[in-house]
Amino acid sequence: MATDAQQKVPKQLLGDIAKADQAKLNHVDVDEKVQLPSPEVIAQEKQEQELKEKVQNFCKDNLKHTVSVEKNPLPDQDAISQEKQEKAFKESLEHFNKTSLRPTEPAVKNPLPDTEVINQEKKEVELRKSVSEFDKSKLAHVEPEEKLTLPDTEVIQQEKTELEKKKGIEQFNRRSLKHIETEEKNPLPSKDDIDLEKKCCK
């Protein structure tokens, strides 16, 4: 009995295949469509499967309770009003009518220097150049005159005498002085003299 595949294929095609010359056929490498997985792929699949099972069978009771912190809270009334003001300000700038501006003449803040300033700068530049490029050989030799001369013998002797006098005054011993009774040159008048003067005045 013919198989189902033989019944489906026409008899003429089967005859042509049987009569075909095998030398005219081209060699074709067999491309394996379904390859067996490598050990690395199998190990990776096992890890993924174990991870999925752990996630599915995870016990929520092991989790710690945490308080959620809102990172992006809704804006309050002040923030909303501020945003509205900023938006209105931007719109007013975008739709600003330039024709309402008054024409003004621009004022030059940094004008060009006048002739006097230019001439003064030229003089300063020339002066600096002449100082930096000055030829020292044009200077005349001058003998220095000593303004502070050393004192002669008489001046030194006089200074020594003055120093000795000052030293004698500073180191003077008061105990070497002799006691002297003071004599009153202008004594006060007595009572008789006062009465006599009064009588004379009358």
Protein backbone atom coordinates (compact mmCIF):
# COMPACT_ATOMS: atom_id res chain seq x y z
CA MET A 1 0.00 0.00 0.00
CA ALA A 2 1.25 3.48 -0.81
CA THR A 3 1.78 5.92 2.00
CA ASP A 4 -0.22 9.13 2.36
CA ALA A 5 2.77 11.22 1.13
CA GLN A 6 3.09 9.07 -2.00
CA GLN A 7 -0.63 9.39 -2.71
CA LYS A 8 -0.43 13.21 -2.45
CA VAL A 9 2.62 13.52 -4.81
CA PRO A 10 1.78 13.14 -8.54
CA LYS A 11 3.09 9.95 -10.18
CA GLN A 12 4.77 11.92 -13.01
CA LEU A 13 6.80 13.96 -10.46
CA LEU A 14 7.89 10.78 -8.71
CA GLY A 15 8.98 9.33 -12.03
CA ASP A 16 11.00 12.42 -12.88
CA ILE A 17 12.74 12.27 -9.50
CA ALA A 18 13.61 8.61 -9.98
CA LYS A 19 15.07 9.25 -13.45
CA ALA A 20 17.04 12.37 -12.37
CA ASP A 21 20.84 12.39 -12.71
CA GLN A 22 22.35 12.73 -9.22
CA ALA A 23 25.55 14.23 -10.66
CA LYS A 24 23.63 17.35 -11.64
CA LEU A 25 22.38 17.93 -8.10
CA ASN A 26 24.00 20.75 -5.98
CA HIS A 27 25.32 19.99 -2.49
CA VAL A 28 23.44 21.82 0.22
CA ASP A 29 24.51 22.10 3.89
CA VAL A 30 21.79 21.13 6.28
CA ASP A 31 20.79 24.12 8.46
CA GLU A 32 19.54 22.93 11.82
CA LYS A 33 16.52 25.02 12.66
CA VAL A 34 16.06 23.82 16.24
CA GLN A 35 19.34 23.65 18.20
CA LEU A 36 19.69 22.20 21.66
CA PRO A 37 20.43 24.87 24.32
CA SER A 38 23.96 25.15 25.71
CA PRO A 39 24.74 24.54 29.45
CA GLU A 40 25.03 28.31 30.03
CA VAL A 41 21.55 28.91 28.56
CA ILE A 42 20.10 26.06 30.64
CA ALA A 43 21.69 27.46 33.84
CA GLN A 44 20.38 30.95 33.07
CA GLU A 45 16.87 29.59 32.48
CA LYS A 46 17.04 27.73 35.80
CA GLN A 47 18.04 30.94 37.62
CA GLU A 48 15.21 32.86 35.97
CA GLN A 49 12.75 30.10 36.88
CA GLU A 50 13.95 30.09 40.51
CA LEU A 51 13.68 33.88 40.65
CA LYS A 52 10.12 33.79 39.30
CA GLU A 53 9.16 31.15 41.87
CA LYS A 54 10.67 33.25 44.69
CA VAL A 55 8.72 36.29 43.54
CA GLN A 56 5.47 34.33 43.27
CA ASN A 57 5.92 32.63 46.65
CA PHE A 58 7.28 35.72 48.46
CA CYS A 59 5.79 36.34 51.91
CA LYS A 60 4.64 39.94 52.31
CA ASP A 61 4.81 39.63 56.11
CA ASN A 62 8.62 39.85 55.92
CA LEU A 63 8.44 43.43 54.60
CA LYS A 64 9.06 46.37 56.97
CA HIS A 65 6.48 49.11 57.16
CA THR A 66 7.73 52.45 55.81
CA VAL A 67 6.06 55.83 55.62
CA SER A 68 5.82 57.04 52.05
CA VAL A 69 7.25 60.50 51.37
CA GLU A 70 5.60 62.49 48.62
CA LYS A 71 8.38 63.71 46.33
CA ASN A 72 6.22 65.83 44.03
CA PRO A 73 3.35 67.31 46.07
CA LEU A 74 0.62 69.35 44.50
CA PRO A 75 1.28 73.12 44.49
CA ASP A 76 -0.45 75.25 47.13
CA GLN A 77 -2.53 78.36 46.52
CA ASP A 78 0.48 80.72 46.71
CA ALA A 79 2.46 78.71 44.15
CA ILE A 80 -0.53 78.64 41.78
CA SER A 81 -1.05 82.41 42.05
CA GLN A 82 2.68 83.02 41.50
CA GLU A 83 2.66 80.84 38.38
CA LYS A 84 -0.37 82.74 37.09
CA GLN A 85 1.44 86.06 37.60
CA GLU A 86 4.55 84.80 35.81
CA LYS A 87 2.46 83.48 32.93
CA ALA A 88 0.59 86.79 32.62
CA PHE A 89 3.90 88.69 32.70
CA LYS A 90 5.38 86.51 29.93
CA GLU A 91 2.25 86.96 27.80
CA SER A 92 2.41 90.74 28.29
CA LEU A 93 6.03 90.71 27.11
CA GLU A 94 5.20 88.58 24.06
CA HIS A 95 2.26 90.79 23.02
CA PHE A 96 3.88 94.11 23.97
CA ASN A 97 3.05 96.97 21.59
CA LYS A 98 6.32 98.62 20.54
CA THR A 99 4.49 101.62 19.07
CA SER A 100 3.68 102.85 22.60
CA LEU A 101 7.39 103.47 23.27
CA ARG A 102 8.77 106.99 23.03
CA PRO A 103 11.78 107.54 20.78
CA THR A 104 14.93 108.54 22.69
CA GLU A 105 18.32 109.67 21.49
CA PRO A 106 21.09 107.32 22.58
CA ALA A 107 23.65 108.91 24.91
CA VAL A 108 27.26 107.95 24.32
CA LYS A 109 28.67 106.76 27.64
CA ASN A 110 32.26 106.39 26.44
CA PRO A 111 32.94 109.17 23.90
CA LEU A 112 36.13 109.42 21.90
CA PRO A 113 38.87 111.56 23.54
CA ASP A 114 39.28 115.15 22.38
CA THR A 115 42.49 116.72 21.03
CA GLU A 116 43.80 117.84 24.43
CA VAL A 117 43.49 114.35 25.91
CA ILE A 118 45.20 112.81 22.86
CA ASN A 119 48.08 115.32 23.05
CA GLN A 120 48.49 114.70 26.78
CA GLU A 121 48.62 110.94 26.22
CA LYS A 122 51.20 111.42 23.46
CA LYS A 123 53.39 113.49 25.83
CA GLU A 124 53.14 110.82 28.53
CA VAL A 125 54.06 108.08 26.03
CA GLU A 126 57.03 110.10 24.75
CA LEU A 127 58.17 110.83 28.32
CA ARG A 128 58.02 107.16 29.30
CA LYS A 129 59.86 106.21 26.12
CA SER A 130 62.58 108.80 26.74
CA VAL A 131 63.01 107.57 30.32
CA SER A 132 63.21 103.90 29.31
CA GLU A 133 65.59 104.61 26.40
CA PHE A 134 67.71 107.24 28.19
CA ASP A 135 71.45 107.16 27.38
CA LYS A 136 73.43 107.24 30.64
CA SER A 137 76.61 108.19 28.78
CA LYS A 138 75.20 111.72 28.32
CA LEU A 139 75.23 112.35 32.08
CA ALA A 140 77.98 114.63 33.45
CA HIS A 141 80.17 113.26 36.24
CA VAL A 142 79.63 115.05 39.56
CA GLU A 143 81.78 114.72 42.65
CA PRO A 144 79.59 114.05 45.67
CA GLU A 145 79.69 116.74 48.35
CA GLU A 146 79.54 115.43 51.89
CA LYS A 147 76.82 117.32 53.73
CA LEU A 148 77.33 115.67 57.12
CA THR A 149 81.01 116.09 58.11
CA LEU A 150 82.65 114.62 61.21
CA PRO A 151 83.03 117.05 64.17
CA ASP A 152 86.49 118.49 64.94
CA THR A 153 88.37 118.26 68.29
CA GLU A 154 86.87 121.48 69.79
CA VAL A 155 83.29 120.35 69.13
CA ILE A 156 84.00 116.93 70.64
CA GLN A 157 85.58 118.54 73.77
CA GLN A 158 82.59 120.89 74.15
CA GLU A 159 80.14 117.97 73.91
CA LYS A 160 82.12 116.08 76.54
CA THR A 161 81.95 119.09 78.92
CA GLU A 162 78.18 119.40 78.44
CA LEU A 163 77.71 115.69 79.05
CA GLU A 164 79.73 115.87 82.28
CA LYS A 165 77.65 118.85 83.49
CA LYS A 166 74.39 117.00 82.78
CA LYS A 167 75.72 113.90 84.50
CA GLY A 168 76.79 115.98 87.54
CA ILE A 169 73.33 117.58 87.78
CA GLU A 170 71.52 114.23 87.46
CA GLN A 171 73.75 112.52 90.06
CA PHE A 172 73.99 115.52 92.48
CA ASN A 173 73.92 114.58 96.20
CA ARG A 174 71.72 116.97 98.20
CA ARG A 175 73.27 115.88 101.48
CA SER A 176 76.51 117.65 100.54
CA LEU A 177 74.68 121.04 100.80
CA LYS A 178 75.14 123.20 103.94
CA HIS A 179 72.09 124.28 105.92
CA ILE A 180 71.48 128.06 105.75
CA GLU A 181 68.96 130.09 107.73
CA THR A 182 66.74 132.14 105.47
CA GLU A 183 66.69 135.88 106.06
CA GLU A 184 63.35 137.59 105.40
CA LYS A 185 63.96 140.60 103.17
CA ASN A 186 60.40 141.99 103.21
CA PRO A 187 58.88 141.38 106.70
CA LEU A 188 55.24 142.10 107.48
CA PRO A 189 54.54 145.44 109.32
CA SER A 190 53.87 145.36 113.05
CA LYS A 191 50.68 146.64 114.71
CA ASP A 192 52.33 149.93 115.72
CA ASP A 193 53.44 150.52 112.13
CA ILE A 194 49.91 149.90 110.88
CA ASP A 195 48.42 152.35 113.41
CA LEU A 196 51.01 154.95 112.50
CA GLU A 197 50.20 154.60 108.78
CA LYS A 198 46.50 155.00 109.50
CA LYS A 199 47.13 158.24 111.42
CA CYS A 200 49.26 159.60 108.62
CA CYS A 201 46.54 158.83 106.06
CA LYS A 202 43.97 160.81 108.11
